[in-house]
Structure formats: C-alpha cells, structure tokens
C-alpha cells in the first residue's frame, strides 16, 4: 500500500479519524453515538499502528531494526500503561467528556506534522529539478 499511498498521508487520515472519533465521544449522549465515535477512533488507531511499524522497518538499517521495533513496541505498551495514570488527574479536573475534547485537539494538531513532512518532500523535489 505504501507504494500507492505515502506514510504521511496515512498518518493524516488516521489522525483525522481519531480526532473526529474523540470529538464525537465528547458530545455523545446516546449509546449509538458513542459507538460511532469509538468505531471512528478505532479505525484511526487500526490504520496508524501498522503504518508506524512498516515505516520503522522501511527506514531503519537492518543491523538495528530489531532494537528499533522493540523500542517502538515498548513505548506503545508504556503509553497504554501510563495513560490511565496520567489521564485520571486531568479527568478529575476537567471532566470525562472534556478529556475527549483535549484528545481531539491533540490529534487535530498532530495533523500538521505529516503535512510539514509532505511539504518538505515536495520542496526537495522542486529544488532538485
């Protein structure tokens, strides 16, 4: 799939899905709306994780590839472990629905990173020609 769709574009789509899902979760008042938000954010995460792994394997030299993948896996599991510990004090201050707003803002802000990377690629291509 990478040959047709660059990693940066996949990140943009996944961040939009996760951010949109979190935004829907913030306003969810019915069970079905909650499910829609979870499905959208789950699709975004489902697209993002394989993309991160493929990008890591593709851009890492073979001699350190195992170390890079183990660091990536460790940080993902560490994030899953620390998430409730970090979010609990925030939830007690701002409320449960507002934590989804904060998460949505974070993911919509993260969209700028792959956009900048795409811009750099385009700029480099133009300057080579």
N, C-alpha and C. Protein backbone atom coordinates (compact mmCIF):
# COMPACT_ATOMS: atom_id res chain seq x y z
N UNK A 1 0.82 -1.19 0.00
CA UNK A 1 0.00 0.00 0.00
C UNK A 1 0.86 1.26 0.00
N UNK A 2 2.06 1.20 0.60
CA UNK A 2 2.91 2.39 0.69
C UNK A 2 3.28 2.92 -0.69
N UNK A 3 3.45 2.03 -1.64
CA UNK A 3 3.84 2.48 -2.97
C UNK A 3 2.77 3.36 -3.59
N UNK A 4 1.52 3.17 -3.19
CA UNK A 4 0.42 3.97 -3.72
C UNK A 4 0.06 5.15 -2.82
N UNK A 5 0.14 4.95 -1.51
CA UNK A 5 -0.22 5.99 -0.54
C UNK A 5 0.95 6.19 0.42
N UNK A 6 1.54 7.39 0.44
CA UNK A 6 2.69 7.63 1.34
C UNK A 6 2.29 7.53 2.82
N UNK A 7 3.28 7.20 3.66
CA UNK A 7 3.05 7.07 5.10
C UNK A 7 2.44 8.34 5.69
N UNK A 8 2.92 9.48 5.24
CA UNK A 8 2.43 10.75 5.79
C UNK A 8 0.93 10.91 5.56
N UNK A 9 0.47 10.51 4.37
CA UNK A 9 -0.96 10.61 4.05
C UNK A 9 -1.77 9.67 4.93
N UNK A 10 -1.23 8.48 5.18
CA UNK A 10 -1.92 7.52 6.05
C UNK A 10 -2.01 8.09 7.47
N UNK A 11 -0.94 8.76 7.93
CA UNK A 11 -1.00 9.40 9.25
C UNK A 11 -2.06 10.49 9.30
N UNK A 12 -2.16 11.30 8.25
CA UNK A 12 -3.17 12.36 8.23
C UNK A 12 -4.56 11.75 8.34
N UNK A 13 -4.83 10.71 7.57
CA UNK A 13 -6.15 10.06 7.62
C UNK A 13 -6.40 9.47 9.00
N UNK A 14 -5.40 8.81 9.57
CA UNK A 14 -5.60 8.20 10.89
C UNK A 14 -5.81 9.26 11.97
N UNK A 15 -5.07 10.37 11.92
CA UNK A 15 -5.26 11.43 12.91
C UNK A 15 -6.63 12.08 12.77
N UNK A 16 -7.11 12.24 11.53
CA UNK A 16 -8.45 12.80 11.31
C UNK A 16 -9.50 11.86 11.89
N UNK A 17 -9.35 10.56 11.64
CA UNK A 17 -10.32 9.59 12.17
C UNK A 17 -10.32 9.57 13.70
N UNK A 18 -9.13 9.55 14.29
CA UNK A 18 -9.05 9.52 15.76
C UNK A 18 -9.60 10.81 16.34
N UNK A 19 -9.19 11.95 15.80
CA UNK A 19 -9.68 13.23 16.30
C UNK A 19 -11.18 13.37 16.16
N UNK A 20 -11.72 12.94 15.01
CA UNK A 20 -13.18 13.00 14.80
C UNK A 20 -13.91 12.08 15.76
N UNK A 21 -13.36 10.89 15.95
CA UNK A 21 -13.97 9.95 16.90
C UNK A 21 -14.01 10.52 18.31
N UNK A 22 -12.92 11.13 18.73
CA UNK A 22 -12.87 11.73 20.07
C UNK A 22 -13.84 12.90 20.18
N UNK A 23 -13.95 13.68 19.12
CA UNK A 23 -14.89 14.81 19.13
C UNK A 23 -16.33 14.31 19.26
N UNK A 24 -16.65 13.24 18.55
CA UNK A 24 -17.98 12.65 18.67
C UNK A 24 -18.19 12.10 20.08
N UNK A 25 -17.18 11.48 20.66
CA UNK A 25 -17.30 10.94 22.01
C UNK A 25 -17.56 12.05 23.03
N UNK A 26 -17.01 13.22 22.78
CA UNK A 26 -17.24 14.32 23.71
C UNK A 26 -18.71 14.70 23.77
N UNK A 27 -19.38 14.66 22.61
CA UNK A 27 -20.78 15.09 22.55
C UNK A 27 -21.77 13.93 22.61
N UNK A 28 -21.29 12.72 22.79
CA UNK A 28 -22.17 11.55 22.76
C UNK A 28 -23.15 11.57 23.93
N UNK A 29 -24.43 11.55 23.57
CA UNK A 29 -25.47 11.47 24.60
C UNK A 29 -26.30 10.20 24.46
N UNK A 30 -26.17 9.54 23.32
CA UNK A 30 -26.86 8.28 23.10
C UNK A 30 -25.83 7.18 22.87
N UNK A 31 -26.25 5.97 23.16
CA UNK A 31 -25.36 4.82 23.06
C UNK A 31 -24.81 4.67 21.64
N UNK A 32 -25.65 4.80 20.62
CA UNK A 32 -25.22 4.61 19.24
C UNK A 32 -24.20 5.68 18.81
N UNK A 33 -24.32 6.90 19.35
CA UNK A 33 -23.36 7.96 19.03
C UNK A 33 -22.00 7.60 19.63
N UNK A 34 -22.03 7.07 20.83
CA UNK A 34 -20.81 6.62 21.49
C UNK A 34 -20.12 5.54 20.66
N UNK A 35 -20.90 4.59 20.14
CA UNK A 35 -20.36 3.52 19.30
C UNK A 35 -19.73 4.09 18.03
N UNK A 36 -20.39 5.07 17.39
CA UNK A 36 -19.85 5.69 16.19
C UNK A 36 -18.49 6.33 16.48
N UNK A 37 -18.40 7.06 17.59
CA UNK A 37 -17.13 7.68 17.98
C UNK A 37 -16.04 6.66 18.22
N UNK A 38 -16.38 5.56 18.88
CA UNK A 38 -15.39 4.51 19.14
C UNK A 38 -14.95 3.83 17.86
N UNK A 39 -15.90 3.61 16.93
CA UNK A 39 -15.55 2.97 15.66
C UNK A 39 -14.59 3.87 14.87
N UNK A 40 -14.90 5.17 14.80
CA UNK A 40 -14.02 6.08 14.06
C UNK A 40 -12.62 6.14 14.66
N UNK A 41 -12.55 6.31 15.97
CA UNK A 41 -11.22 6.38 16.59
C UNK A 41 -10.51 5.03 16.50
N UNK A 42 -11.25 3.94 16.60
CA UNK A 42 -10.64 2.62 16.45
C UNK A 42 -10.10 2.38 15.05
N UNK A 43 -10.82 2.85 14.03
CA UNK A 43 -10.31 2.75 12.66
C UNK A 43 -9.01 3.54 12.51
N UNK A 44 -8.97 4.73 13.09
CA UNK A 44 -7.76 5.55 13.02
C UNK A 44 -6.58 4.87 13.67
N UNK A 45 -6.79 4.30 14.84
CA UNK A 45 -5.70 3.59 15.53
C UNK A 45 -5.31 2.34 14.73
N UNK A 46 -6.32 1.66 14.18
CA UNK A 46 -6.05 0.46 13.39
C UNK A 46 -5.25 0.74 12.13
N UNK A 47 -5.40 1.93 11.57
CA UNK A 47 -4.61 2.32 10.41
C UNK A 47 -3.22 2.78 10.84
N UNK A 48 -3.16 3.48 11.97
CA UNK A 48 -1.90 4.10 12.39
C UNK A 48 -0.84 3.08 12.83
N UNK A 49 -1.21 2.10 13.65
CA UNK A 49 -0.19 1.19 14.19
C UNK A 49 0.54 0.38 13.13
N UNK A 50 -0.14 -0.24 12.17
CA UNK A 50 0.62 -0.94 11.13
C UNK A 50 1.49 0.02 10.31
N UNK A 51 0.99 1.23 10.09
CA UNK A 51 1.75 2.23 9.34
C UNK A 51 3.05 2.58 10.06
N UNK A 52 2.99 2.74 11.37
CA UNK A 52 4.19 3.05 12.15
C UNK A 52 5.20 1.90 12.05
N UNK A 53 4.70 0.67 12.16
CA UNK A 53 5.60 -0.49 12.07
C UNK A 53 6.26 -0.58 10.69
N UNK A 54 5.48 -0.41 9.63
CA UNK A 54 6.03 -0.50 8.28
C UNK A 54 7.06 0.61 8.05
N UNK A 55 6.73 1.80 8.49
CA UNK A 55 7.64 2.94 8.31
C UNK A 55 8.95 2.69 9.07
N UNK A 56 8.84 2.16 10.28
CA UNK A 56 10.03 1.87 11.07
C UNK A 56 10.90 0.82 10.39
N UNK A 57 10.30 -0.24 9.91
CA UNK A 57 11.05 -1.31 9.24
C UNK A 57 11.70 -0.77 7.97
N UNK A 58 10.96 0.01 7.20
CA UNK A 58 11.46 0.52 5.92
C UNK A 58 12.63 1.47 6.09
N UNK A 59 12.59 2.33 7.10
CA UNK A 59 13.59 3.39 7.24
C UNK A 59 14.69 3.09 8.26
N UNK A 60 14.71 1.89 8.81
CA UNK A 60 15.73 1.55 9.80
C UNK A 60 16.73 0.57 9.19
N UNK A 61 18.03 0.83 9.39
CA UNK A 61 19.03 -0.12 8.88
C UNK A 61 18.83 -1.51 9.50
N UNK A 62 19.13 -2.52 8.72
CA UNK A 62 18.87 -3.90 9.14
C UNK A 62 19.56 -4.26 10.46
N UNK A 63 20.75 -3.75 10.69
CA UNK A 63 21.52 -4.12 11.89
C UNK A 63 20.88 -3.62 13.19
N UNK A 64 20.05 -2.56 13.13
CA UNK A 64 19.40 -2.04 14.34
C UNK A 64 17.87 -2.13 14.28
N UNK A 65 17.36 -2.83 13.28
CA UNK A 65 15.91 -2.91 13.08
C UNK A 65 15.20 -3.56 14.27
N UNK A 66 15.76 -4.62 14.80
CA UNK A 66 15.16 -5.30 15.95
C UNK A 66 15.07 -4.38 17.16
N UNK A 67 16.14 -3.63 17.40
CA UNK A 67 16.15 -2.68 18.52
C UNK A 67 15.10 -1.59 18.31
N UNK A 68 15.02 -1.08 17.08
CA UNK A 68 14.05 -0.02 16.79
C UNK A 68 12.62 -0.51 16.99
N UNK A 69 12.32 -1.72 16.53
CA UNK A 69 10.96 -2.27 16.71
C UNK A 69 10.66 -2.57 18.17
N UNK A 70 11.67 -3.03 18.92
CA UNK A 70 11.42 -3.29 20.34
C UNK A 70 11.20 -1.99 21.11
N UNK A 71 11.91 -0.93 20.75
CA UNK A 71 11.67 0.39 21.38
C UNK A 71 10.28 0.89 21.03
N UNK A 72 9.89 0.74 19.77
CA UNK A 72 8.55 1.15 19.35
C UNK A 72 7.48 0.40 20.12
N UNK A 73 7.61 -0.92 20.20
CA UNK A 73 6.63 -1.74 20.92
C UNK A 73 6.61 -1.37 22.40
N UNK A 74 7.77 -1.16 22.99
CA UNK A 74 7.84 -0.80 24.41
C UNK A 74 7.15 0.54 24.67
N UNK A 75 7.37 1.52 23.79
CA UNK A 75 6.73 2.82 24.00
C UNK A 75 5.22 2.73 23.84
N UNK A 76 4.74 1.90 22.91
CA UNK A 76 3.29 1.73 22.75
C UNK A 76 2.67 1.13 24.01
N UNK A 77 3.29 0.07 24.55
CA UNK A 77 2.76 -0.55 25.76
C UNK A 77 2.94 0.35 26.98
N UNK A 78 4.04 1.10 27.04
CA UNK A 78 4.24 2.04 28.14
C UNK A 78 3.17 3.13 28.11
N UNK A 79 2.84 3.59 26.89
CA UNK A 79 1.77 4.59 26.75
C UNK A 79 0.43 4.05 27.20
N UNK A 80 0.14 2.80 26.85
CA UNK A 80 -1.12 2.18 27.27
C UNK A 80 -1.16 2.02 28.80
N UNK A 81 -0.01 1.72 29.40
CA UNK A 81 0.06 1.57 30.85
C UNK A 81 -0.07 2.91 31.56
N UNK A 82 0.63 3.93 31.05
CA UNK A 82 0.64 5.24 31.72
C UNK A 82 -0.60 6.09 31.45
N UNK A 83 -1.33 5.78 30.40
CA UNK A 83 -2.48 6.59 30.02
C UNK A 83 -3.49 6.80 31.16
N UNK A 84 -3.94 5.76 31.84
CA UNK A 84 -4.89 6.00 32.94
C UNK A 84 -4.27 6.76 34.10
N UNK A 85 -2.98 6.54 34.34
CA UNK A 85 -2.31 7.23 35.44
C UNK A 85 -2.21 8.72 35.14
N UNK A 86 -1.91 9.07 33.89
CA UNK A 86 -1.78 10.48 33.50
C UNK A 86 -3.15 11.13 33.35
N UNK A 87 -4.10 10.41 32.76
CA UNK A 87 -5.41 11.00 32.46
C UNK A 87 -6.32 11.13 33.68
N UNK A 88 -6.15 10.29 34.69
CA UNK A 88 -7.05 10.34 35.85
C UNK A 88 -7.06 11.71 36.53
N UNK A 89 -5.91 12.31 36.85
CA UNK A 89 -5.95 13.64 37.46
C UNK A 89 -6.56 14.70 36.53
N UNK A 90 -6.32 14.56 35.22
CA UNK A 90 -6.88 15.51 34.26
C UNK A 90 -8.39 15.36 34.21
N UNK A 91 -8.88 14.10 34.18
CA UNK A 91 -10.32 13.86 34.14
C UNK A 91 -10.99 14.40 35.39
N UNK A 92 -10.36 14.26 36.56
CA UNK A 92 -10.97 14.77 37.78
C UNK A 92 -11.04 16.30 37.79
N UNK A 93 -10.15 16.96 37.03
CA UNK A 93 -10.17 18.43 36.96
C UNK A 93 -11.12 18.96 35.90
N UNK A 94 -11.08 18.37 34.68
CA UNK A 94 -11.83 18.93 33.56
C UNK A 94 -13.10 18.16 33.21
N UNK A 95 -13.27 16.98 33.73
CA UNK A 95 -14.44 16.17 33.41
C UNK A 95 -14.13 15.15 32.33
N UNK A 96 -14.97 14.12 32.30
CA UNK A 96 -14.72 12.98 31.41
C UNK A 96 -14.90 13.36 29.94
N UNK A 97 -15.96 14.09 29.62
CA UNK A 97 -16.18 14.42 28.20
C UNK A 97 -15.13 15.39 27.68
N UNK A 98 -14.63 16.27 28.54
CA UNK A 98 -13.62 17.23 28.09
C UNK A 98 -12.27 16.59 27.80
N UNK A 99 -12.01 15.42 28.37
CA UNK A 99 -10.76 14.73 28.05
C UNK A 99 -10.77 14.32 26.58
N UNK A 100 -11.96 13.99 26.05
CA UNK A 100 -12.06 13.66 24.63
C UNK A 100 -11.85 14.90 23.77
N UNK A 101 -12.28 16.06 24.25
CA UNK A 101 -12.02 17.30 23.52
C UNK A 101 -10.52 17.57 23.48
N UNK A 102 -9.85 17.38 24.60
CA UNK A 102 -8.40 17.58 24.65
C UNK A 102 -7.70 16.61 23.70
N UNK A 103 -8.11 15.33 23.73
CA UNK A 103 -7.53 14.34 22.82
C UNK A 103 -7.78 14.69 21.37
N UNK A 104 -8.98 15.17 21.08
CA UNK A 104 -9.31 15.58 19.71
C UNK A 104 -8.42 16.73 19.25
N UNK A 105 -8.23 17.71 20.11
CA UNK A 105 -7.37 18.85 19.78
C UNK A 105 -5.94 18.37 19.54
N UNK A 106 -5.47 17.44 20.36
CA UNK A 106 -4.11 16.91 20.20
C UNK A 106 -3.97 16.24 18.83
N UNK A 107 -4.92 15.38 18.46
CA UNK A 107 -4.80 14.68 17.19
C UNK A 107 -4.98 15.61 15.99
N UNK A 108 -5.87 16.59 16.10
CA UNK A 108 -6.01 17.55 15.00
C UNK A 108 -4.75 18.41 14.88
N UNK A 109 -4.07 18.67 15.98
CA UNK A 109 -2.80 19.40 15.95
C UNK A 109 -1.70 18.54 15.34
N UNK A 110 -1.71 17.25 15.65
CA UNK A 110 -0.70 16.34 15.12
C UNK A 110 -0.77 16.20 13.60
N UNK A 111 -1.89 16.57 13.01
CA UNK A 111 -2.01 16.51 11.55
C UNK A 111 -0.95 17.39 10.89
N UNK A 112 -0.54 18.45 11.57
CA UNK A 112 0.44 19.36 10.98
C UNK A 112 1.80 18.69 10.75
N UNK A 113 2.15 17.69 11.54
CA UNK A 113 3.47 17.04 11.40
C UNK A 113 3.60 16.34 10.04
N UNK A 114 2.68 15.44 9.67
CA UNK A 114 2.85 14.83 8.34
C UNK A 114 2.67 15.83 7.19
N UNK A 115 1.86 16.86 7.40
CA UNK A 115 1.71 17.88 6.36
C UNK A 115 3.05 18.59 6.12
N UNK A 116 3.77 18.90 7.19
CA UNK A 116 5.09 19.53 7.06
C UNK A 116 6.05 18.57 6.36
N UNK A 117 6.00 17.29 6.70
CA UNK A 117 6.88 16.31 6.05
C UNK A 117 6.59 16.21 4.55
N UNK A 118 5.31 16.22 4.19
CA UNK A 118 4.94 16.19 2.77
C UNK A 118 5.45 17.46 2.09
N UNK A 119 5.29 18.61 2.75
CA UNK A 119 5.77 19.87 2.19
C UNK A 119 7.28 19.84 1.96
N UNK A 120 8.03 19.27 2.89
CA UNK A 120 9.48 19.17 2.72
C UNK A 120 9.84 18.29 1.53
N UNK A 121 9.12 17.17 1.34
CA UNK A 121 9.38 16.29 0.20
C UNK A 121 9.14 17.04 -1.11
N UNK A 122 8.03 17.75 -1.19
CA UNK A 122 7.70 18.49 -2.40
C UNK A 122 8.75 19.57 -2.66
N UNK A 123 9.17 20.27 -1.61
CA UNK A 123 10.17 21.32 -1.75
C UNK A 123 11.50 20.75 -2.26
N UNK A 124 11.91 19.61 -1.70
CA UNK A 124 13.16 18.98 -2.14
C UNK A 124 13.08 18.53 -3.60
N UNK A 125 11.93 17.98 -3.99
CA UNK A 125 11.77 17.55 -5.38
C UNK A 125 11.85 18.73 -6.33
N UNK A 126 11.23 19.84 -5.97
CA UNK A 126 11.25 21.03 -6.83
C UNK A 126 12.66 21.60 -6.96
N UNK A 127 13.41 21.57 -5.88
CA UNK A 127 14.77 22.14 -5.91
C UNK A 127 15.77 21.23 -6.63
N UNK A 128 15.49 19.95 -6.75
CA UNK A 128 16.38 19.05 -7.49
C UNK A 128 16.23 19.26 -8.98
N UNK A 129 15.06 19.59 -9.40
CA UNK A 129 14.80 19.75 -10.85
C UNK A 129 15.16 21.08 -11.34
